[in-house]
């Protein structure tokens, strides 16, 4: 099989021979729908070495003589022609490999392989590049996936053949077939759950007993909530303070009243506001 590994450094004579084979392969591939055989081993590695050599030679000429000389222009044109030819060869060969892979795959499915024996020749991979074989296999895999997605056999042979194919493809025996004796089925009876709730008898003595044991539940207010309310009410007590500094902005109390405090004033403010002003050094306590 031809490889992509780099070959030994080629001589100038060998590079000229590689250049001729490029045009030869291009000419043959343009007239063929199937991929033509490559003329030598390590073809693409040799082509790569040729293009690198010509590119270096062209760059050296431009560096020494400039890019407008006749020699540099001829070398540039030669390199561009070869690159265009390599591009055409790659495009034509990929199209040929893809067409061959798709047609050979579809012909096998339709059962008409004998009619296309002369058209689709078998590819000798010893005369082609390994990367081209990988590309060919990838096209075959995607073609098979496409046939599965569109149910290709069902389209050609009818839905019955498709169902039969699915049944055959499963082909797995159930575990019951390996058991010589069939186990008896165990039936588990689930007790019925009554959906209607029957309220138990509840007399006045039970209610009084609950009140004596849990008095706080009568008002439906837990003791913690009552204590919180007591502490909150205590926090609303007014404290008498003396203003030490003027406040530019008024203070808004909980009921929405605005109070403008001026130095020297003695006001009775809520405990929270009074303690805040005292802590900020704006007021001091002024008890009676």
C-alpha atoms as a PDB file:
ATOM      1  CA  UNK A   1       0.000   0.000   0.000  1.00  0.00           C
ATOM      2  CA  UNK A   2       1.271   3.466  -0.856  1.00  0.00           C
ATOM      3  CA  UNK A   3       2.105   5.558   2.189  1.00  0.00           C
ATOM      4  CA  UNK A   4       2.208   9.177   3.232  1.00  0.00           C
ATOM      5  CA  UNK A   5       5.550   8.885   5.037  1.00  0.00           C
ATOM      6  CA  UNK A   6       8.222  11.311   3.918  1.00  0.00           C
ATOM      7  CA  UNK A   7      10.566   9.837   1.323  1.00  0.00           C
ATOM      8  CA  UNK A   8      14.293  10.387   1.205  1.00  0.00           C
ATOM      9  CA  UNK A   9      15.511  13.675  -0.150  1.00  0.00           C
ATOM     10  CA  UNK A  10      14.952  13.619  -3.911  1.00  0.00           C
ATOM     11  CA  UNK A  11      17.483  14.800  -6.444  1.00  0.00           C
ATOM     12  CA  UNK A  12      16.716  17.478  -9.022  1.00  0.00           C
ATOM     13  CA  UNK A  13      16.206  14.793 -11.664  1.00  0.00           C
ATOM     14  CA  UNK A  14      13.730  12.955  -9.436  1.00  0.00           C
ATOM     15  CA  UNK A  15      11.871  16.188  -8.661  1.00  0.00           C
ATOM     16  CA  UNK A  16      11.448  16.835 -12.381  1.00  0.00           C
ATOM     17  CA  UNK A  17      10.037  13.299 -12.751  1.00  0.00           C
ATOM     18  CA  UNK A  18       7.562  13.963  -9.925  1.00  0.00           C
ATOM     19  CA  UNK A  19       6.449  17.153 -11.660  1.00  0.00           C
ATOM     20  CA  UNK A  20       5.713  15.196 -14.829  1.00  0.00           C
ATOM     21  CA  UNK A  21       3.696  12.586 -12.922  1.00  0.00           C
ATOM     22  CA  UNK A  22       1.501  15.336 -11.451  1.00  0.00           C
ATOM     23  CA  UNK A  23       0.397  16.457 -14.906  1.00  0.00           C
ATOM     24  CA  UNK A  24       0.004  12.822 -15.975  1.00  0.00           C
ATOM     25  CA  UNK A  25      -2.301  11.951 -13.059  1.00  0.00           C
ATOM     26  CA  UNK A  26      -4.277  15.155 -13.594  1.00  0.00           C
ATOM     27  CA  UNK A  27      -4.811  14.381 -17.276  1.00  0.00           C
ATOM     28  CA  UNK A  28      -5.940  10.793 -16.597  1.00  0.00           C
ATOM     29  CA  UNK A  29      -8.213  11.661 -13.670  1.00  0.00           C
ATOM     30  CA  UNK A  30     -10.100  14.294 -15.683  1.00  0.00           C
ATOM     31  CA  UNK A  31     -11.265  11.599 -18.101  1.00  0.00           C
ATOM     32  CA  UNK A  32     -12.137   8.941 -15.490  1.00  0.00           C
ATOM     33  CA  UNK A  33     -15.037   8.705 -13.048  1.00  0.00           C
ATOM     34  CA  UNK A  34     -13.159   6.204 -10.888  1.00  0.00           C
ATOM     35  CA  UNK A  35      -9.900   7.001  -9.080  1.00  0.00           C
ATOM     36  CA  UNK A  36      -6.897   6.222 -11.272  1.00  0.00           C
ATOM     37  CA  UNK A  37      -3.836   4.436  -9.906  1.00  0.00           C
ATOM     38  CA  UNK A  38      -1.015   6.572  -8.568  1.00  0.00           C
ATOM     39  CA  UNK A  39       2.196   6.181 -10.617  1.00  0.00           C
ATOM     40  CA  UNK A  40       4.659   5.827  -7.746  1.00  0.00           C
ATOM     41  CA  UNK A  41       5.016   5.020  -4.086  1.00  0.00           C
ATOM     42  CA  UNK A  42       4.794   7.861  -1.570  1.00  0.00           C
ATOM     43  CA  UNK A  43       3.234  10.014  -4.263  1.00  0.00           C
ATOM     44  CA  UNK A  44       1.884  12.777  -2.037  1.00  0.00           C
ATOM     45  CA  UNK A  45       5.066  12.927   0.034  1.00  0.00           C
ATOM     46  CA  UNK A  46       7.070  13.388  -3.161  1.00  0.00           C
ATOM     47  CA  UNK A  47       4.653  16.091  -4.333  1.00  0.00           C
ATOM     48  CA  UNK A  48       5.015  17.880  -1.009  1.00  0.00           C
ATOM     49  CA  UNK A  49       8.818  17.789  -1.299  1.00  0.00           C
ATOM     50  CA  UNK A  50       8.632  19.178  -4.830  1.00  0.00           C
ATOM     51  CA  UNK A  51       6.397  22.090  -3.825  1.00  0.00           C
ATOM     52  CA  UNK A  52       8.596  22.918  -0.831  1.00  0.00           C
ATOM     53  CA  UNK A  53      11.670  22.898  -3.063  1.00  0.00           C
ATOM     54  CA  UNK A  54      10.124  25.201  -5.666  1.00  0.00           C
ATOM     55  CA  UNK A  55       8.772  27.536  -3.002  1.00  0.00           C
ATOM     56  CA  UNK A  56      12.212  27.870  -1.381  1.00  0.00           C
ATOM     57  CA  UNK A  57      13.844  28.379  -4.760  1.00  0.00           C
ATOM     58  CA  UNK A  58      11.353  31.107  -5.689  1.00  0.00           C
ATOM     59  CA  UNK A  59      11.781  32.899  -2.352  1.00  0.00           C
ATOM     60  CA  UNK A  60      15.584  32.838  -2.716  1.00  0.00           C
ATOM     61  CA  UNK A  61      15.391  34.340  -6.218  1.00  0.00           C
ATOM     62  CA  UNK A  62      13.065  37.125  -5.067  1.00  0.00           C
ATOM     63  CA  UNK A  63      15.352  37.890  -2.109  1.00  0.00           C
ATOM     64  CA  UNK A  64      18.458  38.182  -4.302  1.00  0.00           C
ATOM     65  CA  UNK A  65      17.123  39.608  -7.593  1.00  0.00           C
ATOM     66  CA  UNK A  66      13.724  41.062  -6.663  1.00  0.00           C
ATOM     67  CA  UNK A  67      10.221  40.007  -7.586  1.00  0.00           C
ATOM     68  CA  UNK A  68       9.979  41.738 -10.970  1.00  0.00           C
ATOM     69  CA  UNK A  69      12.676  39.826 -12.825  1.00  0.00           C
ATOM     70  CA  UNK A  70      11.856  37.361 -15.565  1.00  0.00           C
ATOM     71  CA  UNK A  71      13.344  34.455 -13.620  1.00  0.00           C
ATOM     72  CA  UNK A  72      11.314  35.127 -10.468  1.00  0.00           C
ATOM     73  CA  UNK A  73       8.101  35.557 -12.445  1.00  0.00           C
ATOM     74  CA  UNK A  74       8.649  32.276 -14.297  1.00  0.00           C
ATOM     75  CA  UNK A  75       9.340  30.421 -11.042  1.00  0.00           C
ATOM     76  CA  UNK A  76       6.245  31.918  -9.406  1.00  0.00           C
ATOM     77  CA  UNK A  77       4.095  30.971 -12.396  1.00  0.00           C
ATOM     78  CA  UNK A  78       5.483  27.427 -12.398  1.00  0.00           C
ATOM     79  CA  UNK A  79       4.721  27.031  -8.693  1.00  0.00           C
ATOM     80  CA  UNK A  80       1.172  28.381  -9.052  1.00  0.00           C
ATOM     81  CA  UNK A  81       0.438  26.054 -11.982  1.00  0.00           C
ATOM     82  CA  UNK A  82       1.572  23.037  -9.974  1.00  0.00           C
ATOM     83  CA  UNK A  83      -0.518  24.054  -6.957  1.00  0.00           C
ATOM     84  CA  UNK A  84      -3.582  24.474  -9.157  1.00  0.00           C
ATOM     85  CA  UNK A  85      -2.962  21.058 -10.676  1.00  0.00           C
ATOM     86  CA  UNK A  86      -2.603  19.442  -7.223  1.00  0.00           C
ATOM     87  CA  UNK A  87      -5.846  21.085  -6.136  1.00  0.00           C
ATOM     88  CA  UNK A  88      -7.650  19.712  -9.191  1.00  0.00           C
ATOM     89  CA  UNK A  89      -6.252  16.213  -8.637  1.00  0.00           C
ATOM     90  CA  UNK A  90      -7.390  16.185  -5.015  1.00  0.00           C
ATOM     91  CA  UNK A  91     -10.876  17.440  -5.885  1.00  0.00           C
ATOM     92  CA  UNK A  92     -11.346  14.968  -8.731  1.00  0.00           C
ATOM     93  CA  UNK A  93     -10.050  11.999  -6.746  1.00  0.00           C
ATOM     94  CA  UNK A  94     -12.214  12.766  -3.700  1.00  0.00           C
ATOM     95  CA  UNK A  95     -15.277  13.025  -5.936  1.00  0.00           C
ATOM     96  CA  UNK A  96     -14.353   9.738  -7.616  1.00  0.00           C
ATOM     97  CA  UNK A  97     -13.841   7.936  -4.292  1.00  0.00           C
ATOM     98  CA  UNK A  98     -17.103   9.317  -2.883  1.00  0.00           C
ATOM     99  CA  UNK A  99     -19.078   8.352  -5.993  1.00  0.00           C
ATOM    100  CA  UNK A 100     -17.604   4.850  -6.038  1.00  0.00           C
ATOM    101  CA  UNK A 101     -18.293   4.323  -2.315  1.00  0.00           C
ATOM    102  CA  UNK A 102     -21.909   5.489  -2.558  1.00  0.00           C
ATOM    103  CA  UNK A 103     -22.744   3.579  -5.730  1.00  0.00           C
ATOM    104  CA  UNK A 104     -21.142   0.334  -4.581  1.00  0.00           C
ATOM    105  CA  UNK A 105     -23.012   0.564  -1.280  1.00  0.00           C
ATOM    106  CA  UNK A 106     -26.384   1.246  -2.885  1.00  0.00           C
ATOM    107  CA  UNK A 107     -25.893  -1.415  -5.563  1.00  0.00           C
ATOM    108  CA  UNK A 108     -25.299  -4.072  -2.911  1.00  0.00           C
ATOM    109  CA  UNK A 109     -28.529  -3.098  -1.158  1.00  0.00           C
ATOM    110  CA  UNK A 110     -30.637  -3.151  -4.313  1.00  0.00           C
ATOM    111  CA  UNK A 111     -29.391  -6.619  -5.314  1.00  0.00           C
ATOM    112  CA  UNK A 112     -28.353  -5.496  -8.801  1.00  0.00           C
ATOM    113  CA  UNK A 113     -24.631  -5.905  -8.353  1.00  0.00           C
ATOM    114  CA  UNK A 114     -24.268  -8.108 -11.463  1.00  0.00           C
ATOM    115  CA  UNK A 115     -25.609  -5.327 -13.698  1.00  0.00           C
ATOM    116  CA  UNK A 116     -22.892  -2.933 -12.553  1.00  0.00           C
ATOM    117  CA  UNK A 117     -19.927  -5.293 -12.533  1.00  0.00           C
ATOM    118  CA  UNK A 118     -18.350  -3.629 -15.532  1.00  0.00           C
ATOM    119  CA  UNK A 119     -19.002  -0.105 -14.286  1.00  0.00           C
ATOM    120  CA  UNK A 120     -17.813  -0.328 -10.681  1.00  0.00           C
ATOM    121  CA  UNK A 121     -14.404  -1.900 -10.630  1.00  0.00           C
ATOM    122  CA  UNK A 122     -12.937  -3.077  -7.365  1.00  0.00           C
ATOM    123  CA  UNK A 123     -10.360  -0.671  -5.982  1.00  0.00           C
ATOM    124  CA  UNK A 124      -6.836  -1.988  -5.509  1.00  0.00           C
ATOM    125  CA  UNK A 125      -5.747  -0.156  -2.376  1.00  0.00           C
ATOM    126  CA  UNK A 126      -2.113  -1.088  -3.007  1.00  0.00           C
ATOM    127  CA  UNK A 127      -2.175   1.564  -5.731  1.00  0.00           C
ATOM    128  CA  UNK A 128      -3.699   4.338  -3.649  1.00  0.00           C
ATOM    129  CA  UNK A 129      -2.867   6.431  -0.634  1.00  0.00           C
ATOM    130  CA  UNK A 130      -3.859   5.286   2.915  1.00  0.00           C
ATOM    131  CA  UNK A 131      -5.538   8.628   3.629  1.00  0.00           C
ATOM    132  CA  UNK A 132      -7.713   8.101   0.563  1.00  0.00           C
ATOM    133  CA  UNK A 133      -8.784   4.707   1.906  1.00  0.00           C
ATOM    134  CA  UNK A 134      -9.770   6.288   5.231  1.00  0.00           C
ATOM    135  CA  UNK A 135     -11.835   8.859   3.344  1.00  0.00           C
ATOM    136  CA  UNK A 136     -13.483   6.087   1.305  1.00  0.00           C
ATOM    137  CA  UNK A 137     -14.406   4.112   4.430  1.00  0.00           C
ATOM    138  CA  UNK A 138     -15.872   7.241   6.040  1.00  0.00           C
ATOM    139  CA  UNK A 139     -18.150   7.807   3.042  1.00  0.00           C
ATOM    140  CA  UNK A 140     -19.318   4.185   3.262  1.00  0.00           C
ATOM    141  CA  UNK A 141     -20.115   4.571   6.957  1.00  0.00           C
ATOM    142  CA  UNK A 142     -22.153   7.730   6.394  1.00  0.00           C
ATOM    143  CA  UNK A 143     -23.979   6.066   3.505  1.00  0.00           C
ATOM    144  CA  UNK A 144     -24.994   3.184   5.776  1.00  0.00           C
ATOM    145  CA  UNK A 145     -26.184   5.634   8.417  1.00  0.00           C
ATOM    146  CA  UNK A 146     -28.244   7.470   5.810  1.00  0.00           C
ATOM    147  CA  UNK A 147     -29.852   4.198   4.669  1.00  0.00           C
ATOM    148  CA  UNK A 148     -30.823   3.390   8.243  1.00  0.00           C
ATOM    149  CA  UNK A 149     -32.280   6.855   8.847  1.00  0.00           C
ATOM    150  CA  UNK A 150     -34.475   6.793   5.719  1.00  0.00           C
ATOM    151  CA  UNK A 151     -35.264   3.046   5.992  1.00  0.00           C
ATOM    152  CA  UNK A 152     -33.693   2.331   2.620  1.00  0.00           C
ATOM    153  CA  UNK A 153     -34.695  -1.339   2.406  1.00  0.00           C
ATOM    154  CA  UNK A 154     -38.283  -0.456   3.201  1.00  0.00           C
ATOM    155  CA  UNK A 155     -38.323   2.117   0.404  1.00  0.00           C
ATOM    156  CA  UNK A 156     -37.090  -0.399  -2.166  1.00  0.00           C
ATOM    157  CA  UNK A 157     -38.756  -3.636  -1.033  1.00  0.00           C
ATOM    158  CA  UNK A 158     -41.756  -2.457   0.922  1.00  0.00           C
ATOM    159  CA  UNK A 159     -42.513  -2.005   4.581  1.00  0.00           C
ATOM    160  CA  UNK A 160     -42.877  -5.765   5.176  1.00  0.00           C
ATOM    161  CA  UNK A 161     -39.249  -6.375   4.322  1.00  0.00           C
ATOM    162  CA  UNK A 162     -38.245  -3.613   6.694  1.00  0.00           C
ATOM    163  CA  UNK A 163     -40.231  -5.109   9.570  1.00  0.00           C
ATOM    164  CA  UNK A 164     -38.807  -8.535   8.818  1.00  0.00           C
ATOM    165  CA  UNK A 165     -35.292  -7.109   8.809  1.00  0.00           C
ATOM    166  CA  UNK A 166     -35.827  -5.505  12.187  1.00  0.00           C
ATOM    167  CA  UNK A 167     -37.148  -8.741  13.655  1.00  0.00           C
ATOM    168  CA  UNK A 168     -34.226 -10.732  12.306  1.00  0.00           C
ATOM    169  CA  UNK A 169     -31.646  -8.180  13.347  1.00  0.00           C
ATOM    170  CA  UNK A 170     -32.704  -8.328  16.973  1.00  0.00           C
ATOM    171  CA  UNK A 171     -31.951 -12.061  17.143  1.00  0.00           C
ATOM    172  CA  UNK A 172     -31.626 -12.157  20.933  1.00  0.00           C
ATOM    173  CA  UNK A 173     -33.223 -14.967  22.888  1.00  0.00           C
ATOM    174  CA  UNK A 174     -35.181 -14.095  25.948  1.00  0.00           C
ATOM    175  CA  UNK A 175     -33.907 -15.372  29.264  1.00  0.00           C
ATOM    176  CA  UNK A 176     -37.002 -17.530  29.667  1.00  0.00           C
ATOM    177  CA  UNK A 177     -35.801 -19.822  26.881  1.00  0.00           C
ATOM    178  CA  UNK A 178     -32.825 -20.925  28.984  1.00  0.00           C
ATOM    179  CA  UNK A 179     -35.037 -22.041  31.895  1.00  0.00           C
ATOM    180  CA  UNK A 180     -36.131 -25.675  31.648  1.00  0.00           C
ATOM    181  CA  UNK A 181     -38.905 -25.259  34.180  1.00  0.00           C
ATOM    182  CA  UNK A 182     -41.220 -22.320  34.154  1.00  0.00           C
ATOM    183  CA  UNK A 183     -41.502 -20.602  37.467  1.00  0.00           C
ATOM    184  CA  UNK A 184     -44.931 -20.106  38.914  1.00  0.00           C
ATOM    185  CA  UNK A 185     -46.132 -16.564  38.894  1.00  0.00           C
ATOM    186  CA  UNK A 186     -46.368 -15.050  42.360  1.00  0.00           C
ATOM    187  CA  UNK A 187     -49.386 -12.844  42.833  1.00  0.00           C
ATOM    188  CA  UNK A 188     -49.056 -10.211  45.538  1.00  0.00           C
ATOM    189  CA  UNK A 189     -52.312  -8.828  46.805  1.00  0.00           C
ATOM    190  CA  UNK A 190     -52.165  -5.176  47.727  1.00  0.00           C
ATOM    191  CA  UNK A 191     -54.630  -4.165  50.455  1.00  0.00           C
ATOM    192  CA  UNK A 192     -57.186  -1.632  49.398  1.00  0.00           C
ATOM    193  CA  UNK A 193     -56.728   1.861  50.764  1.00  0.00           C
ATOM    194  CA  UNK A 194     -59.876   3.603  51.848  1.00  0.00           C
ATOM    195  CA  UNK A 195     -60.168   7.026  50.328  1.00  0.00           C
ATOM    196  CA  UNK A 196     -62.814   8.328  52.786  1.00  0.00           C
ATOM    197  CA  UNK A 197     -61.461   9.551  56.117  1.00  0.00           C
ATOM    198  CA  UNK A 198     -63.575   8.731  59.131  1.00  0.00           C
ATOM    199  CA  UNK A 199     -63.237  11.413  61.796  1.00  0.00           C
ATOM    200  CA  UNK A 200     -62.859   9.815  65.272  1.00  0.00           C
ATOM    201  CA  UNK A 201     -65.196  10.764  68.049  1.00  0.00           C
ATOM    202  CA  UNK A 202     -64.137  13.999  69.746  1.00  0.00           C
ATOM    203  CA  UNK A 203     -66.063  15.110  72.834  1.00  0.00           C
ATOM    204  CA  UNK A 204     -65.965  18.214  75.032  1.00  0.00           C
ATOM    205  CA  UNK A 205     -63.832  16.576  77.727  1.00  0.00           C
ATOM    206  CA  UNK A 206     -61.030  15.928  75.231  1.00  0.00           C
ATOM    207  CA  UNK A 207     -61.076  19.580  74.162  1.00  0.00           C
ATOM    208  CA  UNK A 208     -60.871  20.844  77.789  1.00  0.00           C
ATOM    209  CA  UNK A 209     -57.997  18.445  78.502  1.00  0.00           C
ATOM    210  CA  UNK A 210     -56.036  19.789  75.532  1.00  0.00           C
ATOM    211  CA  UNK A 211     -56.629  23.382  76.692  1.00  0.00           C
ATOM    212  CA  UNK A 212     -55.222  22.582  80.140  1.00  0.00           C
ATOM    213  CA  UNK A 213     -52.162  20.761  78.734  1.00  0.00           C
ATOM    214  CA  UNK A 214     -51.408  23.184  75.874  1.00  0.00           C
ATOM    215  CA  UNK A 215     -52.973  26.550  76.725  1.00  0.00           C
ATOM    216  CA  UNK A 216     -50.948  28.479  74.138  1.00  0.00           C
ATOM    217  CA  UNK A 217     -52.535  26.524  71.286  1.00  0.00           C
ATOM    218  CA  UNK A 218     -55.963  27.938  72.115  1.00  0.00           C
ATOM    219  CA  UNK A 219     -55.114  31.334  70.719  1.00  0.00           C
ATOM    220  CA  UNK A 220     -53.113  29.701  67.909  1.00  0.00           C
ATOM    221  CA  UNK A 221     -50.148  31.930  68.784  1.00  0.00           C
ATOM    222  CA  UNK A 222     -46.949  30.181  69.956  1.00  0.00           C
ATOM    223  CA  UNK A 223     -45.206  31.572  73.071  1.00  0.00           C
ATOM    224  CA  UNK A 224     -42.179  32.624  71.024  1.00  0.00           C
ATOM    225  CA  UNK A 225     -44.368  34.844  68.863  1.00  0.00           C
ATOM    226  CA  UNK A 226     -45.915  36.481  71.931  1.00  0.00           C
ATOM    227  CA  UNK A 227     -42.474  37.212  73.412  1.00  0.00           C
ATOM    228  CA  UNK A 228     -41.331  38.707  70.117  1.00  0.00           C
ATOM    229  CA  UNK A 229     -44.320  41.033  70.099  1.00  0.00           C
ATOM    230  CA  UNK A 230     -43.601  42.117  73.685  1.00  0.00           C
ATOM    231  CA  UNK A 231     -39.991  42.903  72.831  1.00  0.00           C
ATOM    232  CA  UNK A 232     -41.106  44.765  69.695  1.00  0.00           C
ATOM    233  CA  UNK A 233     -43.561  46.893  71.725  1.00  0.00           C
ATOM    234  CA  UNK A 234     -40.830  47.701  74.231  1.00  0.00           C
ATOM    235  CA  UNK A 235     -38.616  48.840  71.386  1.00  0.00           C
ATOM    236  CA  UNK A 236     -41.255  51.459  70.488  1.00  0.00           C
ATOM    237  CA  UNK A 237     -40.923  53.215  73.899  1.00  0.00           C
ATOM    238  CA  UNK A 238     -39.929  56.872  73.665  1.00  0.00           C
ATOM    239  CA  UNK A 239     -36.620  58.155  75.034  1.00  0.00           C
ATOM    240  CA  UNK A 240     -35.934  61.786  75.929  1.00  0.00           C
ATOM    241  CA  UNK A 241     -32.758  63.095  74.264  1.00  0.00           C
ATOM    242  CA  UNK A 242     -30.985  66.405  73.748  1.00  0.00           C
ATOM    243  CA  UNK A 243     -29.753  67.259  70.262  1.00  0.00           C
ATOM    244  CA  UNK A 244     -26.053  68.246  70.169  1.00  0.00           C
ATOM    245  CA  UNK A 245     -25.674  68.978  66.429  1.00  0.00           C
ATOM    246  CA  UNK A 246     -28.007  70.230  63.716  1.00  0.00           C
ATOM    247  CA  UNK A 247     -29.311  67.584  61.324  1.00  0.00           C
ATOM    248  CA  UNK A 248     -29.613  68.708  57.701  1.00  0.00           C
ATOM    249  CA  UNK A 249     -32.187  66.042  56.802  1.00  0.00           C
ATOM    250  CA  UNK A 250     -35.351  65.347  58.788  1.00  0.00           C
ATOM    251  CA  UNK A 251     -35.857  61.995  60.510  1.00  0.00           C
ATOM    252  CA  UNK A 252     -38.884  59.958  59.471  1.00  0.00           C
ATOM    253  CA  UNK A 253     -40.580  58.013  62.247  1.00  0.00           C
ATOM    254  CA  UNK A 254     -42.445  54.726  61.849  1.00  0.00           C
ATOM    255  CA  UNK A 255     -45.786  56.490  61.396  1.00  0.00           C
ATOM    256  CA  UNK A 256     -44.342  58.629  58.594  1.00  0.00           C
ATOM    257  CA  UNK A 257     -43.902  61.848  60.600  1.00  0.00           C
ATOM    258  CA  UNK A 258     -40.867  63.963  59.691  1.00  0.00           C
ATOM    259  CA  UNK A 259     -38.885  65.488  62.596  1.00  0.00           C
ATOM    260  CA  UNK A 260     -36.258  68.183  61.961  1.00  0.00           C
ATOM    261  CA  UNK A 261     -33.769  68.191  64.837  1.00  0.00           C
ATOM    262  CA  UNK A 262     -31.753  71.301  65.763  1.00  0.00           C
ATOM    263  CA  UNK A 263     -28.954  71.593  68.310  1.00  0.00           C
ATOM    264  CA  UNK A 264     -30.329  72.342  71.766  1.00  0.00           C
ATOM    265  CA  UNK A 265     -33.720  70.777  71.153  1.00  0.00           C
ATOM    266  CA  UNK A 266     -35.025  68.220  73.596  1.00  0.00           C
ATOM    267  CA  UNK A 267     -37.144  65.618  71.879  1.00  0.00           C
ATOM    268  CA  UNK A 268     -38.850  62.365  72.816  1.00  0.00           C
ATOM    269  CA  UNK A 269     -37.969  59.909  70.045  1.00  0.00           C
ATOM    270  CA  UNK A 270     -38.523  56.184  69.626  1.00  0.00           C
ATOM    271  CA  UNK A 271     -35.900  54.133  71.418  1.00  0.00           C
ATOM    272  CA  UNK A 272     -34.332  52.836  68.189  1.00  0.00           C
ATOM    273  CA  UNK A 273     -33.872  56.330  66.708  1.00  0.00           C
ATOM    274  CA  UNK A 274     -32.693  57.807  70.014  1.00  0.00           C
ATOM    275  CA  UNK A 275     -30.064  55.120  70.535  1.00  0.00           C
ATOM    276  CA  UNK A 276     -28.841  55.554  66.955  1.00  0.00           C
ATOM    277  CA  UNK A 277     -28.399  59.330  67.378  1.00  0.00           C
ATOM    278  CA  UNK A 278     -26.617  58.876  70.711  1.00  0.00           C
ATOM    279  CA  UNK A 279     -24.260  56.278  69.230  1.00  0.00           C
ATOM    280  CA  UNK A 280     -23.477  58.664  66.344  1.00  0.00           C
ATOM    281  CA  UNK A 281     -22.624  61.480  68.773  1.00  0.00           C
ATOM    282  CA  UNK A 282     -25.466  63.680  67.539  1.00  0.00           C
ATOM    283  CA  UNK A 283     -27.456  63.552  70.780  1.00  0.00           C
ATOM    284  CA  UNK A 284     -27.275  62.635  74.445  1.00  0.00           C
ATOM    285  CA  UNK A 285     -29.756  61.171  76.883  1.00  0.00           C
ATOM    286  CA  UNK A 286     -31.826  63.761  78.772  1.00  0.00           C
ATOM    287  CA  UNK A 287     -33.902  61.937  81.358  1.00  0.00           C
ATOM    288  CA  UNK A 288     -36.331  63.952  83.455  1.00  0.00           C
END
